[in-house]
Protein backbone atom coordinates (compact mmCIF):
# COMPACT_ATOMS: atom_id res chain seq x y z
CA UNK A 1 28.13 43.06 2.89
CA UNK A 2 29.48 41.32 -0.19
CA UNK A 3 29.23 37.96 1.52
CA UNK A 4 25.67 38.67 2.60
CA UNK A 5 24.70 39.64 -0.95
CA UNK A 6 26.19 36.45 -2.34
CA UNK A 7 24.25 34.36 0.18
CA UNK A 8 21.01 36.16 -0.71
CA UNK A 9 21.61 35.61 -4.43
CA UNK A 10 22.38 31.94 -3.87
CA UNK A 11 19.24 31.47 -1.80
CA UNK A 12 17.17 33.25 -4.44
CA UNK A 13 18.68 31.11 -7.18
CA UNK A 14 18.03 27.92 -5.19
CA UNK A 15 14.43 28.95 -4.57
CA UNK A 16 13.94 29.78 -8.26
CA UNK A 17 15.49 26.45 -9.27
CA UNK A 18 13.18 24.48 -7.01
CA UNK A 19 10.19 26.41 -8.31
CA UNK A 20 11.22 25.80 -11.91
CA UNK A 21 11.72 22.09 -11.25
CA UNK A 22 8.31 21.87 -9.56
CA UNK A 23 6.63 23.61 -12.53
CA UNK A 24 8.42 21.39 -15.04
CA UNK A 25 7.51 18.28 -13.05
CA UNK A 26 3.79 19.05 -13.13
CA UNK A 27 3.92 20.18 -16.74
CA UNK A 28 5.41 16.83 -17.77
CA UNK A 29 2.86 14.96 -15.65
CA UNK A 30 -0.10 16.83 -17.16
CA UNK A 31 1.24 16.41 -20.68
CA UNK A 32 1.67 12.67 -20.16
CA UNK A 33 -1.94 12.42 -18.98
CA UNK A 34 -3.12 14.41 -21.97
CA UNK A 35 -1.19 12.22 -24.42
CA UNK A 36 -2.25 8.93 -22.83
CA UNK A 37 -5.94 9.74 -22.46
CA UNK A 38 -6.09 11.51 -25.81
CA UNK A 39 -4.55 8.52 -27.55
CA UNK A 40 -6.79 6.15 -25.59
CA UNK A 41 -9.90 8.10 -26.68
CA UNK A 42 -8.77 8.08 -30.30
CA UNK A 43 -7.95 4.36 -30.41
CA UNK A 44 -10.90 3.27 -28.25
CA UNK A 45 -13.43 5.05 -30.45
CA UNK A 46 -12.32 2.85 -33.39
CA UNK A 47 -12.41 -0.46 -31.50
CA UNK A 48 -15.39 -2.64 -30.65
CA UNK A 49 -16.61 -1.37 -27.21
CA UNK A 50 -16.72 -4.96 -25.96
CA UNK A 51 -12.93 -5.12 -26.17
CA UNK A 52 -11.94 -1.55 -25.29
CA UNK A 53 -13.85 1.41 -23.94
CA UNK A 54 -12.96 5.10 -24.05
CA UNK A 55 -12.30 7.60 -21.24
CA UNK A 56 -15.57 9.41 -21.99
CA UNK A 57 -17.63 6.20 -21.74
CA UNK A 58 -15.76 5.17 -18.60
CA UNK A 59 -16.45 8.56 -17.03
CA UNK A 60 -20.14 8.22 -17.83
CA UNK A 61 -20.19 4.73 -16.30
CA UNK A 62 -18.42 5.99 -13.19
CA UNK A 63 -20.95 8.81 -12.79
CA UNK A 64 -23.79 6.28 -13.14
CA UNK A 65 -22.24 4.04 -10.47
CA UNK A 66 -21.95 6.98 -8.10
CA UNK A 67 -25.48 8.27 -8.71
CA UNK A 68 -27.04 4.83 -8.29
CA UNK A 69 -25.25 4.26 -4.99
CA UNK A 70 -23.82 0.92 -6.08
CA UNK A 71 -20.25 2.21 -5.96
CA UNK A 72 -20.48 3.68 -2.45
CA UNK A 73 -22.12 0.55 -1.09
CA UNK A 74 -19.42 -1.66 -2.58
CA UNK A 75 -16.66 0.72 -1.50
CA UNK A 76 -17.86 0.81 2.11
CA UNK A 77 -17.95 -2.98 2.31
CA UNK A 78 -14.49 -3.23 0.76
CA UNK A 79 -13.01 -0.63 3.12
CA UNK A 80 -14.49 -2.44 6.13
CA UNK A 81 -12.83 -5.68 5.06
CA UNK A 82 -9.50 -3.93 4.48
CA UNK A 83 -9.69 -2.18 7.86
CA UNK A 84 -10.32 -5.42 9.76
CA UNK A 85 -7.84 -7.54 7.83
CA UNK A 86 -5.06 -4.94 7.86
CA UNK A 87 -5.54 -4.17 11.56
CA UNK A 88 -5.18 -7.87 12.29
CA UNK A 89 -2.09 -8.06 10.10
CA UNK A 90 -0.47 -5.21 12.05
CA UNK A 91 -1.42 -6.73 15.42
CA UNK A 92 0.15 -10.06 14.46
CA UNK A 93 2.88 -9.08 12.00
CA UNK A 94 4.80 -6.46 13.98
CA UNK A 95 5.18 -8.40 17.25
CA UNK A 96 5.94 -11.64 15.41
CA UNK A 97 8.59 -10.03 13.20
CA UNK A 98 10.28 -8.37 16.17
CA UNK A 99 10.12 -11.59 18.19
CA UNK A 100 11.70 -13.58 15.35
CA UNK A 101 14.52 -11.06 15.13
CA UNK A 102 15.13 -11.04 18.89
CA UNK A 103 14.77 -14.75 19.63
CA UNK A 104 16.78 -17.34 17.73
CA UNK A 105 14.52 -20.20 18.80
CA UNK A 106 11.39 -18.45 17.48
CA UNK A 107 13.25 -17.59 14.28
CA UNK A 108 14.36 -21.19 13.78
CA UNK A 109 10.82 -22.44 14.38
CA UNK A 110 8.93 -19.97 12.16
CA UNK A 111 11.25 -18.51 9.53
CA UNK A 112 10.79 -21.24 6.92
CA UNK A 113 7.00 -21.11 7.27
CA UNK A 114 6.95 -17.33 6.93
CA UNK A 115 9.20 -17.41 3.85
CA UNK A 116 7.14 -20.17 2.22
CA UNK A 117 3.80 -18.47 2.81
CA UNK A 118 5.21 -15.08 1.81
CA UNK A 119 5.91 -16.27 -1.74
CA UNK A 120 2.77 -18.43 -2.03
CA UNK A 121 0.09 -16.76 -4.20
CA UNK A 122 -3.06 -16.15 -2.19
CA UNK A 123 -5.13 -17.49 -5.08
CA UNK A 124 -3.59 -20.91 -4.43
CA UNK A 125 -5.13 -20.87 -0.95
CA UNK A 126 -8.65 -20.07 -2.16
CA UNK A 127 -9.86 -23.73 -2.27
CA UNK A 128 -8.69 -24.34 1.30
CA UNK A 129 -10.16 -21.08 2.57
CA UNK A 130 -13.42 -21.95 0.84
CA UNK A 131 -13.55 -25.24 2.73
CA UNK A 132 -12.55 -23.70 6.08
CA UNK A 133 -14.51 -20.44 6.06
CA UNK A 134 -17.07 -20.84 3.30
CA UNK A 135 -18.32 -17.95 1.17
CA UNK A 136 -18.84 -14.64 2.90
CA UNK A 137 -17.35 -11.64 4.63
CA UNK A 138 -15.29 -13.70 7.08
CA UNK A 139 -13.39 -15.40 4.27
CA UNK A 140 -12.71 -11.99 2.71
CA UNK A 141 -11.14 -10.68 5.93
CA UNK A 142 -8.98 -13.80 6.23
CA UNK A 143 -7.62 -13.38 2.68
CA UNK A 144 -6.87 -9.69 3.31
CA UNK A 145 -5.11 -10.61 6.55
CA UNK A 146 -2.98 -13.28 4.85
CA UNK A 147 -2.12 -10.90 2.03
CA UNK A 148 -0.93 -8.12 4.33
CA UNK A 149 0.64 -9.90 7.29
CA UNK A 150 3.72 -11.41 5.65
CA UNK A 151 5.21 -8.19 4.22
CA UNK A 152 4.78 -6.68 7.69
CA UNK A 153 6.47 -9.65 9.37
CA UNK A 154 9.40 -9.64 6.95
CA UNK A 155 9.98 -5.88 7.21
CA UNK A 156 9.62 -5.84 10.99
CA UNK A 157 12.16 -8.63 11.19
CA UNK A 158 14.52 -6.81 8.82
CA UNK A 159 14.17 -3.58 10.78
CA UNK A 160 15.33 -5.16 14.02
CA UNK A 161 18.07 -7.19 12.38
CA UNK A 162 19.52 -4.08 10.70
CA UNK A 163 19.93 -2.10 13.92
CA UNK A 164 23.54 -1.12 14.50
CA UNK A 165 25.26 -3.19 17.14
CA UNK A 166 27.00 -0.08 18.42
CA UNK A 167 23.65 1.42 19.43
CA UNK A 168 22.71 -1.66 21.43
CA UNK A 169 26.11 -1.94 23.09
CA UNK A 170 26.07 1.75 23.98
CA UNK A 171 22.65 1.39 25.61
CA UNK A 172 23.79 -1.65 27.55
CA UNK A 173 26.93 0.15 28.70
CA UNK A 174 24.62 2.67 30.35
CA UNK A 175 22.83 -0.22 32.15
CA UNK A 176 19.68 -0.06 30.03
CA UNK A 177 17.27 -2.88 30.83
CA UNK A 178 15.32 -4.85 28.19
CA UNK A 179 12.30 -2.55 28.34
CA UNK A 180 14.44 0.56 27.90
CA UNK A 181 16.44 -1.13 25.14
CA UNK A 182 13.24 -1.94 23.28
CA UNK A 183 11.50 1.43 23.70
CA UNK A 184 14.57 3.68 23.25
CA UNK A 185 16.65 1.79 20.67
CA UNK A 186 14.99 -1.16 18.96
CA UNK A 187 11.53 0.27 18.24
CA UNK A 188 12.61 3.75 17.03
CA UNK A 189 15.42 2.36 14.86
CA UNK A 190 13.21 -0.30 13.26
CA UNK A 191 10.14 1.91 12.67
CA UNK A 192 11.17 3.03 9.14
CA UNK A 193 11.35 -0.64 8.11
CA UNK A 194 8.04 -1.37 9.82
CA UNK A 195 6.37 1.53 8.01
CA UNK A 196 7.75 0.22 4.72
CA UNK A 197 6.07 -3.06 5.62
CA UNK A 198 2.82 -1.19 6.19
CA UNK A 199 3.06 0.38 2.72
CA UNK A 200 3.64 -2.99 1.11
CA UNK A 201 1.02 -4.62 3.28
CA UNK A 202 -1.75 -2.15 2.48
CA UNK A 203 -1.10 -2.59 -1.23
CA UNK A 204 -1.28 -6.37 -0.86
CA UNK A 205 -4.44 -5.95 1.24
CA UNK A 206 -6.19 -4.24 -1.68
CA UNK A 207 -5.16 -7.07 -4.00
CA UNK A 208 -6.33 -9.64 -1.47
CA UNK A 209 -9.63 -7.81 -1.09
CA UNK A 210 -10.35 -7.97 -4.83
CA UNK A 211 -9.35 -11.65 -5.06
CA UNK A 212 -11.48 -12.59 -2.06
CA UNK A 213 -14.51 -10.67 -3.27
CA UNK A 214 -14.31 -12.21 -6.72
CA UNK A 215 -13.89 -15.82 -5.57
CA UNK A 216 -15.18 -16.06 -2.00
CA UNK A 217 -17.26 -13.15 -0.74
CA UNK A 218 -19.05 -12.19 -3.99
CA UNK A 219 -19.51 -8.68 -2.67
CA UNK A 220 -18.00 -5.21 -2.81
CA UNK A 221 -15.87 -3.98 -5.68
CA UNK A 222 -14.91 -7.54 -6.66
CA UNK A 223 -18.55 -8.44 -7.18
CA UNK A 224 -19.01 -5.41 -9.44
CA UNK A 225 -16.07 -6.56 -11.55
CA UNK A 226 -17.54 -10.05 -11.93
CA UNK A 227 -21.06 -8.79 -12.63
CA UNK A 228 -20.11 -6.26 -15.30
CA UNK A 229 -17.56 -8.63 -16.81
CA UNK A 230 -20.22 -11.33 -17.22
CA UNK A 231 -22.40 -8.87 -19.13
CA UNK A 232 -19.47 -7.54 -21.23
CA UNK A 233 -19.93 -3.99 -19.90
CA UNK A 234 -16.34 -3.00 -20.52
CA UNK A 235 -16.82 0.64 -19.61
CA UNK A 236 -18.16 -0.29 -16.16
CA UNK A 237 -15.33 -2.80 -15.65
CA UNK A 238 -12.79 -0.08 -16.43
CA UNK A 239 -14.58 2.29 -14.06
CA UNK A 240 -14.38 -0.20 -11.18
CA UNK A 241 -10.73 -0.97 -11.96
CA UNK A 242 -9.92 2.75 -11.85
CA UNK A 243 -11.69 3.06 -8.47
CA UNK A 244 -9.68 0.11 -7.12
CA UNK A 245 -6.45 1.66 -8.37
CA UNK A 246 -7.35 5.03 -6.85
CA UNK A 247 -8.24 3.32 -3.57
CA UNK A 248 -4.87 1.56 -3.47
CA UNK A 249 -2.98 4.76 -4.22
CA UNK A 250 -4.94 6.67 -1.56
CA UNK A 251 -4.28 4.04 1.10
CA UNK A 252 -0.55 3.80 0.32
CA UNK A 253 -0.32 7.59 0.27
CA UNK A 254 -2.07 7.76 3.64
CA UNK A 255 0.56 5.46 5.15
CA UNK A 256 3.32 7.59 3.63
CA UNK A 257 1.81 10.77 5.08
CA UNK A 258 1.52 9.07 8.46
CA UNK A 259 5.17 8.12 8.26
CA UNK A 260 6.21 11.67 7.41
CA UNK A 261 4.05 13.06 10.20
CA UNK A 262 5.53 10.93 12.96
CA UNK A 263 9.00 10.21 11.56
CA UNK A 264 9.97 13.53 10.01
CA UNK A 265 13.48 13.10 11.41
CA UNK A 266 14.04 10.33 8.86
CA UNK A 267 13.28 12.64 5.92
CA UNK A 268 16.34 14.80 6.66
CA UNK A 269 18.61 11.75 6.33
CA UNK A 270 17.54 10.90 2.79
CA UNK A 271 20.06 11.43 0.03
CA UNK A 272 17.34 12.23 -2.52
CA UNK A 273 14.47 14.46 -1.53
CA UNK A 274 11.20 14.77 -3.41
């Protein structure tokens, strides 16, 4: 009975500690938002609105964009470009990364090109893409694809290369063929790396979308940034930037939730839990 009581007290204390940490976490987060936006409002109200707007003006601009329908129209076009470009990046990046990791000849032929293009800023490719694809939606999708595909390739490659040799040898000792080796060992073990590539890729896709829309497509959220920037409407520029940031966070968070949904077994292995 004494042992049972001690266990109950320990469980109660652990539950209370987690609850207290959760409350403190959100208290600190809310206080930081209050301090930042309060200070921003105070400083912005004393600065020329051309150079810096305030949260209240930005909120009013955001409401106007929503009511007029301009924001939803631009957001839909941007999401369509991200969906097509990112889907293409997954379709190309995952198989290519796995193939490079499994085949030395393919690795030798492609690795230096992948590494070079991975570190090349997409803005540097804008003149070439303008010549090849012109100005329009197609060029936007190509830029999004190029922005997202290389993080996926690199992480897919790293996922396969980091698989323990003992796992592979054990599977082969049980006479596993190549298909079984891939489906039972290689793919499950490399999926956490691949999902990390998806998270990086979707973030880069948002950046690529904005760059393409500002320089090539002249549409979507990028067009709104250029238009309001040309007319020095700083509050509207801030509003669009906030929407882009929220879109990026939402997309990355969606990938994280997808990872937790299908790879919950990986969460239990983490040293530090959220």
